[in-house]
């Protein structure tokens, strides 16, 4: 089943709303379990997001409709996504675009059926923190630091912090970071369905670039400066 009983009940109780335009969020907006969406053009990177979160914004208790998740949520600075569920990820669930020192907090919620990655990290010097029981199912990667953005530079390291997250069905890796740019992934209390070491890979390092070329994988890493994780931080269920 795609949803837990609790989440399935939430979706059934939600009021479905559709929009053809991106909604911009300032301050705190609580959708009280409503289902929203716009459209989906597969893996097209040119499609607009469903929501844009301005610096300081919080979005809470919303289900983004399957077949209508577009490019998910764009975060422009410090922001918080609390109990947000993507019923079927279209391109990316959320993208961090905030600058140095900003943080995108992802507390709870869930993402289902991401052909590629769930969280895309573009903003130089910023952080994505995923915690509070977030759940991912049937995904390529949970997180990827942009491997070939034209803005990539060694002075703009990106960080991801993952704690108390549960995953089921990871086809590529949990996270991908660019070690040559100083990116770091710190992972604790991660539960993965049927995990054995190497399947799926947990933290994969890449040599990123700013030319648009495909990044070079350096393989799965454990206990390094960039991949701050040990096997004791991972639990199979």
Foldseek 3Di string as FASTA:
>chain_A
DLDDPVLVVLQVPAAEDEDQDAAEFEAEDERSSHEYFHAADAQDPPWDANYEYEANYEYERYEYDPRGGHQAYEYAFAYEYYQYEYSAHGNENYEYAYEAPGEYEYAAHEYEHAAEEHYEYEYFNYEYEYDHAYEYEQHAEDYEYDQAALPQDLNGAYEYEYANYEYEHHNEEHYEGEVSSPHAYAAAQYEYEPDDDVVPAYYWYWNGYHPPDDTHTPGGDDCDSRYDHDCVRYHYD
